[in-house]
Amino acid sequence: MTEEIKTKIVNYLSSHQWLNLGTADKKGKPMVHTMAFASDGATVYFVTDKNTHKVTDMMDNPNVAYTVDEDDAEVMQITGVQMQGKAFLVTDGEETNKAFRLMADKYPFIADMPSSPDNVFFKVEPEEAYYLDYSKGFNHRDFVTF
């Protein structure tokens, strides 16, 4: 069952456009950021400006959470992913290129955007997740660890 749920999560991530990333600052004040993302298995990548609050938050505290879900599902048809993981600044050139390719494959317009020295890639490596599937009952979710 665990591998089946992990496969559902991987497929869900690859077929959705936006995630809601939760970070917390040094004082523990939370913030949620809507992000375009690309996935490689259950690891997600995104690009952002290095001068944002979320970058400061993730550099101070790499523990993050995110959701990916449907905006217009009927209540008893809700599906989604709730993930906890660790965020890492991508510094390796090969991995940066991989992240760029993943993002450009998912969002073709990115390939035509001018590069900026202020843009940085992050990845979130999964630790624990819930896969939501309300068709199995209200508030049904399956838990997995990575």
N, C-alpha and C. Protein backbone atom coordinates (compact mmCIF):
# COMPACT_ATOMS: atom_id res chain seq x y z
N MET A 1 0.83 -1.20 0.00
CA MET A 1 0.00 0.00 0.00
C MET A 1 0.86 1.26 0.00
N THR A 2 1.99 1.24 0.74
CA THR A 2 2.85 2.42 0.82
C THR A 2 3.38 2.82 -0.56
N GLU A 3 3.86 1.86 -1.33
CA GLU A 3 4.40 2.18 -2.66
C GLU A 3 3.30 2.69 -3.58
N GLU A 4 2.10 2.15 -3.44
CA GLU A 4 0.96 2.62 -4.24
C GLU A 4 0.66 4.08 -3.93
N ILE A 5 0.68 4.45 -2.66
CA ILE A 5 0.42 5.84 -2.27
C ILE A 5 1.54 6.75 -2.76
N LYS A 6 2.78 6.31 -2.65
CA LYS A 6 3.90 7.11 -3.16
C LYS A 6 3.77 7.34 -4.66
N THR A 7 3.35 6.31 -5.38
CA THR A 7 3.15 6.44 -6.82
C THR A 7 2.04 7.44 -7.11
N LYS A 8 0.96 7.41 -6.35
CA LYS A 8 -0.13 8.38 -6.52
C LYS A 8 0.39 9.79 -6.29
N ILE A 9 1.22 9.97 -5.27
CA ILE A 9 1.79 11.29 -4.97
C ILE A 9 2.66 11.77 -6.12
N VAL A 10 3.55 10.92 -6.60
CA VAL A 10 4.44 11.29 -7.71
C VAL A 10 3.62 11.67 -8.94
N ASN A 11 2.61 10.89 -9.27
CA ASN A 11 1.76 11.19 -10.43
C ASN A 11 0.99 12.48 -10.23
N TYR A 12 0.50 12.69 -9.02
CA TYR A 12 -0.27 13.90 -8.72
C TYR A 12 0.62 15.14 -8.90
N LEU A 13 1.82 15.08 -8.34
CA LEU A 13 2.73 16.22 -8.45
C LEU A 13 3.05 16.52 -9.91
N SER A 14 3.27 15.50 -10.70
CA SER A 14 3.65 15.73 -12.09
C SER A 14 2.51 16.30 -12.93
N SER A 15 1.28 16.17 -12.45
CA SER A 15 0.13 16.62 -13.25
C SER A 15 -0.52 17.91 -12.73
N HIS A 16 0.14 18.58 -11.79
CA HIS A 16 -0.41 19.83 -11.26
C HIS A 16 0.60 20.96 -11.40
N GLN A 17 0.08 22.18 -11.43
CA GLN A 17 0.89 23.35 -11.76
C GLN A 17 1.40 24.15 -10.57
N TRP A 18 0.68 24.15 -9.47
CA TRP A 18 0.98 25.09 -8.39
C TRP A 18 1.07 24.36 -7.05
N LEU A 19 1.97 24.85 -6.22
CA LEU A 19 1.99 24.37 -4.83
C LEU A 19 1.94 25.57 -3.91
N ASN A 20 1.46 25.32 -2.72
CA ASN A 20 1.40 26.34 -1.67
C ASN A 20 2.45 25.97 -0.63
N LEU A 21 3.54 26.73 -0.62
CA LEU A 21 4.71 26.44 0.20
C LEU A 21 4.64 27.20 1.52
N GLY A 22 4.71 26.47 2.61
CA GLY A 22 4.72 27.08 3.93
C GLY A 22 6.13 27.14 4.50
N THR A 23 6.52 28.35 4.91
CA THR A 23 7.82 28.56 5.55
C THR A 23 7.57 29.29 6.87
N ALA A 24 8.62 29.37 7.70
CA ALA A 24 8.52 30.14 8.94
C ALA A 24 9.81 30.92 9.13
N ASP A 25 9.68 32.17 9.62
CA ASP A 25 10.87 32.98 9.83
C ASP A 25 11.53 32.61 11.17
N LYS A 26 12.59 33.33 11.52
CA LYS A 26 13.35 33.02 12.74
C LYS A 26 12.49 33.07 14.00
N LYS A 27 11.47 33.91 13.99
CA LYS A 27 10.59 34.04 15.15
C LYS A 27 9.44 33.04 15.11
N GLY A 28 9.40 32.22 14.07
CA GLY A 28 8.33 31.22 13.95
C GLY A 28 7.09 31.73 13.25
N LYS A 29 7.13 32.95 12.73
CA LYS A 29 5.98 33.51 12.03
C LYS A 29 5.85 32.83 10.67
N PRO A 30 4.70 32.19 10.41
CA PRO A 30 4.54 31.45 9.16
C PRO A 30 4.10 32.34 7.99
N MET A 31 4.39 31.84 6.80
CA MET A 31 3.94 32.48 5.57
C MET A 31 3.74 31.38 4.53
N VAL A 32 2.76 31.56 3.67
CA VAL A 32 2.50 30.60 2.59
C VAL A 32 2.72 31.32 1.26
N HIS A 33 3.40 30.62 0.35
CA HIS A 33 3.79 31.19 -0.93
C HIS A 33 3.26 30.30 -2.05
N THR A 34 2.55 30.86 -3.01
CA THR A 34 2.10 30.10 -4.17
C THR A 34 3.25 30.04 -5.16
N MET A 35 3.58 28.82 -5.59
CA MET A 35 4.77 28.62 -6.41
C MET A 35 4.47 27.72 -7.61
N ALA A 36 5.03 28.08 -8.75
CA ALA A 36 5.13 27.13 -9.86
C ALA A 36 6.24 26.17 -9.48
N PHE A 37 6.11 24.91 -9.87
CA PHE A 37 7.10 23.92 -9.48
C PHE A 37 7.18 22.83 -10.54
N ALA A 38 8.26 22.09 -10.48
CA ALA A 38 8.42 20.88 -11.28
C ALA A 38 8.89 19.79 -10.34
N SER A 39 8.57 18.56 -10.69
CA SER A 39 8.92 17.46 -9.79
C SER A 39 9.79 16.43 -10.49
N ASP A 40 10.59 15.79 -9.68
CA ASP A 40 11.38 14.64 -10.11
C ASP A 40 11.09 13.57 -9.06
N GLY A 41 10.16 12.69 -9.38
CA GLY A 41 9.66 11.78 -8.35
C GLY A 41 8.89 12.61 -7.34
N ALA A 42 9.21 12.43 -6.06
CA ALA A 42 8.53 13.19 -5.01
C ALA A 42 9.33 14.41 -4.58
N THR A 43 10.46 14.68 -5.23
CA THR A 43 11.23 15.88 -4.95
C THR A 43 10.72 16.98 -5.87
N VAL A 44 10.48 18.17 -5.29
CA VAL A 44 10.01 19.29 -6.10
C VAL A 44 11.10 20.35 -6.18
N TYR A 45 11.12 21.03 -7.32
CA TYR A 45 12.05 22.13 -7.59
C TYR A 45 11.25 23.38 -7.93
N PHE A 46 11.80 24.52 -7.55
CA PHE A 46 11.21 25.79 -7.97
C PHE A 46 12.31 26.84 -8.02
N VAL A 47 12.05 27.90 -8.75
CA VAL A 47 12.98 29.01 -8.88
C VAL A 47 12.34 30.24 -8.26
N THR A 48 13.17 31.06 -7.64
CA THR A 48 12.67 32.28 -7.02
C THR A 48 13.80 33.30 -6.95
N ASP A 49 13.45 34.52 -6.66
CA ASP A 49 14.43 35.57 -6.47
C ASP A 49 15.13 35.36 -5.12
N LYS A 50 16.44 35.46 -5.11
CA LYS A 50 17.20 35.19 -3.88
C LYS A 50 16.94 36.21 -2.78
N ASN A 51 16.28 37.32 -3.10
CA ASN A 51 16.04 38.38 -2.12
C ASN A 51 14.64 38.32 -1.50
N THR A 52 13.96 37.17 -1.60
CA THR A 52 12.61 37.06 -1.07
C THR A 52 12.62 36.58 0.38
N HIS A 53 11.49 36.81 1.04
CA HIS A 53 11.32 36.33 2.43
C HIS A 53 11.42 34.82 2.50
N LYS A 54 10.87 34.13 1.50
CA LYS A 54 10.88 32.66 1.56
C LYS A 54 12.30 32.12 1.52
N VAL A 55 13.19 32.77 0.75
CA VAL A 55 14.58 32.32 0.71
C VAL A 55 15.23 32.52 2.08
N THR A 56 15.03 33.68 2.68
CA THR A 56 15.57 33.91 4.02
C THR A 56 15.02 32.88 5.00
N ASP A 57 13.71 32.64 4.93
CA ASP A 57 13.09 31.65 5.82
C ASP A 57 13.72 30.28 5.64
N MET A 58 13.85 29.82 4.38
CA MET A 58 14.36 28.47 4.13
C MET A 58 15.84 28.34 4.48
N MET A 59 16.60 29.41 4.33
CA MET A 59 18.01 29.36 4.71
C MET A 59 18.15 29.29 6.24
N ASP A 60 17.25 29.96 6.95
CA ASP A 60 17.27 29.93 8.42
C ASP A 60 16.66 28.65 8.98
N ASN A 61 15.63 28.14 8.29
CA ASN A 61 14.90 26.98 8.77
C ASN A 61 14.45 26.17 7.55
N PRO A 62 15.15 25.08 7.23
CA PRO A 62 14.83 24.33 6.02
C PRO A 62 13.57 23.47 6.13
N ASN A 63 12.96 23.39 7.29
CA ASN A 63 11.74 22.61 7.44
C ASN A 63 10.58 23.37 6.81
N VAL A 64 9.97 22.76 5.80
CA VAL A 64 8.87 23.38 5.07
C VAL A 64 7.73 22.38 4.93
N ALA A 65 6.59 22.90 4.53
CA ALA A 65 5.44 22.07 4.19
C ALA A 65 4.80 22.69 2.97
N TYR A 66 4.13 21.83 2.19
CA TYR A 66 3.39 22.37 1.06
C TYR A 66 2.17 21.50 0.78
N THR A 67 1.24 22.11 0.06
CA THR A 67 0.08 21.39 -0.43
C THR A 67 0.00 21.58 -1.94
N VAL A 68 -0.55 20.58 -2.59
CA VAL A 68 -0.92 20.64 -4.00
C VAL A 68 -2.30 20.03 -4.05
N ASP A 69 -3.26 20.77 -4.62
CA ASP A 69 -4.63 20.27 -4.62
C ASP A 69 -5.43 20.88 -5.75
N GLU A 70 -6.72 20.61 -5.72
CA GLU A 70 -7.64 21.09 -6.74
C GLU A 70 -8.34 22.35 -6.25
N ASP A 71 -8.49 23.33 -7.12
CA ASP A 71 -9.18 24.55 -6.74
C ASP A 71 -10.69 24.45 -6.85
N ASP A 72 -11.17 23.55 -7.70
CA ASP A 72 -12.61 23.55 -7.97
C ASP A 72 -13.27 22.19 -7.77
N ALA A 73 -12.70 21.33 -6.96
CA ALA A 73 -13.28 20.00 -6.74
C ALA A 73 -14.50 20.08 -5.83
N GLU A 74 -15.45 19.21 -6.08
CA GLU A 74 -16.55 19.06 -5.14
C GLU A 74 -16.00 18.41 -3.89
N VAL A 75 -16.57 18.72 -2.75
CA VAL A 75 -16.01 18.28 -1.47
C VAL A 75 -15.71 16.79 -1.44
N MET A 76 -16.62 15.96 -1.87
CA MET A 76 -16.41 14.52 -1.77
C MET A 76 -15.54 13.96 -2.91
N GLN A 77 -14.96 14.87 -3.72
CA GLN A 77 -14.05 14.45 -4.78
C GLN A 77 -12.66 15.07 -4.60
N ILE A 78 -12.41 15.69 -3.45
CA ILE A 78 -11.13 16.33 -3.20
C ILE A 78 -10.01 15.29 -3.24
N THR A 79 -8.96 15.64 -3.94
CA THR A 79 -7.71 14.89 -3.90
C THR A 79 -6.59 15.91 -3.70
N GLY A 80 -5.48 15.46 -3.17
CA GLY A 80 -4.37 16.39 -2.98
C GLY A 80 -3.21 15.74 -2.26
N VAL A 81 -2.16 16.52 -2.12
CA VAL A 81 -0.95 16.10 -1.42
C VAL A 81 -0.65 17.13 -0.34
N GLN A 82 -0.38 16.64 0.85
CA GLN A 82 0.14 17.46 1.95
C GLN A 82 1.52 16.90 2.26
N MET A 83 2.56 17.72 2.13
CA MET A 83 3.93 17.23 2.25
C MET A 83 4.71 18.04 3.28
N GLN A 84 5.53 17.34 4.03
CA GLN A 84 6.54 17.96 4.88
C GLN A 84 7.89 17.52 4.36
N GLY A 85 8.85 18.44 4.35
CA GLY A 85 10.17 18.08 3.86
C GLY A 85 11.19 19.12 4.23
N LYS A 86 12.35 18.98 3.64
CA LYS A 86 13.45 19.91 3.86
C LYS A 86 13.78 20.61 2.55
N ALA A 87 13.95 21.92 2.66
CA ALA A 87 14.29 22.74 1.49
C ALA A 87 15.79 22.96 1.44
N PHE A 88 16.34 22.83 0.25
CA PHE A 88 17.77 23.02 0.04
C PHE A 88 17.99 23.94 -1.15
N LEU A 89 18.91 24.89 -0.98
CA LEU A 89 19.36 25.71 -2.09
C LEU A 89 20.15 24.81 -3.04
N VAL A 90 19.82 24.85 -4.31
CA VAL A 90 20.53 24.04 -5.29
C VAL A 90 21.76 24.84 -5.73
N THR A 91 22.93 24.31 -5.43
CA THR A 91 24.18 25.00 -5.75
C THR A 91 25.01 24.27 -6.79
N ASP A 92 24.78 23.00 -6.96
CA ASP A 92 25.52 22.20 -7.94
C ASP A 92 25.05 22.56 -9.35
N GLY A 93 25.99 22.85 -10.23
CA GLY A 93 25.65 23.26 -11.59
C GLY A 93 24.84 22.23 -12.35
N GLU A 94 25.19 20.97 -12.22
CA GLU A 94 24.46 19.91 -12.92
C GLU A 94 23.02 19.82 -12.41
N GLU A 95 22.84 19.92 -11.10
CA GLU A 95 21.48 19.86 -10.56
C GLU A 95 20.70 21.12 -10.92
N THR A 96 21.36 22.27 -10.97
CA THR A 96 20.69 23.49 -11.40
C THR A 96 20.18 23.34 -12.83
N ASN A 97 21.01 22.78 -13.70
CA ASN A 97 20.59 22.54 -15.08
C ASN A 97 19.41 21.57 -15.13
N LYS A 98 19.46 20.54 -14.32
CA LYS A 98 18.35 19.58 -14.26
C LYS A 98 17.07 20.29 -13.83
N ALA A 99 17.15 21.11 -12.77
CA ALA A 99 15.98 21.84 -12.28
C ALA A 99 15.43 22.76 -13.37
N PHE A 100 16.33 23.45 -14.07
CA PHE A 100 15.89 24.33 -15.15
C PHE A 100 15.18 23.54 -16.23
N ARG A 101 15.75 22.41 -16.64
CA ARG A 101 15.11 21.58 -17.68
C ARG A 101 13.73 21.10 -17.24
N LEU A 102 13.62 20.66 -15.99
CA LEU A 102 12.32 20.21 -15.48
C LEU A 102 11.30 21.34 -15.53
N MET A 103 11.72 22.54 -15.10
CA MET A 103 10.80 23.68 -15.10
C MET A 103 10.44 24.08 -16.54
N ALA A 104 11.42 24.11 -17.43
CA ALA A 104 11.16 24.50 -18.82
C ALA A 104 10.30 23.47 -19.55
N ASP A 105 10.45 22.20 -19.22
CA ASP A 105 9.58 21.19 -19.81
C ASP A 105 8.14 21.37 -19.38
N LYS A 106 7.94 21.75 -18.13
CA LYS A 106 6.59 21.91 -17.60
C LYS A 106 6.00 23.27 -17.99
N TYR A 107 6.84 24.29 -18.01
CA TYR A 107 6.42 25.66 -18.34
C TYR A 107 7.32 26.16 -19.47
N PRO A 108 6.98 25.88 -20.73
CA PRO A 108 7.86 26.21 -21.86
C PRO A 108 8.30 27.68 -21.93
N PHE A 109 7.48 28.60 -21.43
CA PHE A 109 7.84 30.02 -21.49
C PHE A 109 9.12 30.31 -20.71
N ILE A 110 9.45 29.48 -19.75
CA ILE A 110 10.64 29.72 -18.93
C ILE A 110 11.91 29.68 -19.78
N ALA A 111 11.93 28.84 -20.79
CA ALA A 111 13.12 28.73 -21.65
C ALA A 111 13.45 30.04 -22.34
N ASP A 112 12.44 30.90 -22.55
CA ASP A 112 12.65 32.17 -23.25
C ASP A 112 12.86 33.35 -22.31
N MET A 113 12.77 33.11 -21.01
CA MET A 113 12.95 34.20 -20.06
C MET A 113 14.45 34.52 -19.93
N PRO A 114 14.77 35.79 -19.82
CA PRO A 114 16.18 36.14 -19.63
C PRO A 114 16.67 35.65 -18.26
N SER A 115 17.90 35.18 -18.23
CA SER A 115 18.44 34.72 -16.95
C SER A 115 18.73 35.92 -16.06
N SER A 116 18.74 35.68 -14.77
CA SER A 116 19.01 36.74 -13.80
C SER A 116 19.92 36.17 -12.72
N PRO A 117 20.94 36.92 -12.34
CA PRO A 117 21.81 36.45 -11.26
C PRO A 117 21.08 36.39 -9.91
N ASP A 118 19.90 37.00 -9.84
CA ASP A 118 19.14 36.97 -8.60
C ASP A 118 18.26 35.73 -8.47
N ASN A 119 18.11 34.96 -9.55
CA ASN A 119 17.28 33.75 -9.49
C ASN A 119 18.07 32.58 -8.91
N VAL A 120 17.42 31.86 -8.01
CA VAL A 120 18.03 30.68 -7.42
C VAL A 120 17.01 29.54 -7.44
N PHE A 121 17.52 28.32 -7.53
CA PHE A 121 16.67 27.14 -7.47
C PHE A 121 16.74 26.54 -6.08
N PHE A 122 15.60 26.06 -5.64
CA PHE A 122 15.49 25.27 -4.41
C PHE A 122 14.87 23.94 -4.75
N LYS A 123 15.15 22.97 -3.92
CA LYS A 123 14.45 21.70 -4.00
C LYS A 123 13.92 21.39 -2.61
N VAL A 124 12.81 20.68 -2.60
CA VAL A 124 12.26 20.18 -1.35
C VAL A 124 12.28 18.67 -1.42
N GLU A 125 13.07 18.09 -0.53
CA GLU A 125 13.13 16.63 -0.44
C GLU A 125 12.05 16.18 0.53
N PRO A 126 11.24 15.21 0.13
CA PRO A 126 10.10 14.80 0.94
C PRO A 126 10.53 14.02 2.18
N GLU A 127 9.75 14.18 3.25
CA GLU A 127 9.96 13.39 4.47
C GLU A 127 8.70 12.62 4.84
N GLU A 128 7.59 13.34 4.95
CA GLU A 128 6.30 12.72 5.29
C GLU A 128 5.22 13.34 4.44
N ALA A 129 4.24 12.53 4.06
CA ALA A 129 3.17 13.05 3.21
C ALA A 129 1.85 12.38 3.50
N TYR A 130 0.81 13.10 3.17
CA TYR A 130 -0.54 12.55 3.14
C TYR A 130 -1.04 12.68 1.71
N TYR A 131 -1.68 11.63 1.24
CA TYR A 131 -2.39 11.70 -0.02
C TYR A 131 -3.87 11.75 0.31
N LEU A 132 -4.53 12.84 -0.06
CA LEU A 132 -5.95 13.02 0.23
C LEU A 132 -6.79 12.42 -0.89
N ASP A 133 -7.84 11.70 -0.51
CA ASP A 133 -8.77 11.14 -1.48
C ASP A 133 -10.14 11.02 -0.82
N TYR A 134 -10.93 12.11 -0.91
CA TYR A 134 -12.22 12.16 -0.25
C TYR A 134 -13.25 11.24 -0.89
N SER A 135 -12.96 10.72 -2.08
CA SER A 135 -13.90 9.76 -2.68
C SER A 135 -13.99 8.49 -1.83
N LYS A 136 -13.00 8.29 -0.97
CA LYS A 136 -13.00 7.14 -0.05
C LYS A 136 -13.66 7.46 1.27
N GLY A 137 -14.10 8.70 1.43
CA GLY A 137 -14.76 9.15 2.66
C GLY A 137 -14.25 10.52 3.04
N PHE A 138 -15.11 11.29 3.69
CA PHE A 138 -14.76 12.65 4.07
C PHE A 138 -13.48 12.64 4.90
N ASN A 139 -12.52 13.48 4.51
CA ASN A 139 -11.25 13.65 5.20
C ASN A 139 -10.33 12.44 5.13
N HIS A 140 -10.56 11.55 4.13
CA HIS A 140 -9.68 10.37 4.00
C HIS A 140 -8.32 10.80 3.48
N ARG A 141 -7.29 10.34 4.18
CA ARG A 141 -5.93 10.60 3.71
C ARG A 141 -5.04 9.43 4.15
N ASP A 142 -4.11 9.10 3.27
CA ASP A 142 -3.17 8.01 3.53
C ASP A 142 -1.81 8.62 3.81
N PHE A 143 -1.15 8.12 4.84
CA PHE A 143 0.15 8.65 5.30
C PHE A 143 1.29 7.78 4.81
N VAL A 144 2.36 8.43 4.35
CA VAL A 144 3.59 7.72 3.96
C VAL A 144 4.80 8.51 4.41
N THR A 145 5.89 7.81 4.59
CA THR A 145 7.18 8.45 4.84
C THR A 145 8.12 8.16 3.68
N PHE A 146 9.06 9.05 3.48
CA PHE A 146 10.02 8.89 2.38
C PHE A 146 11.41 8.66 2.94
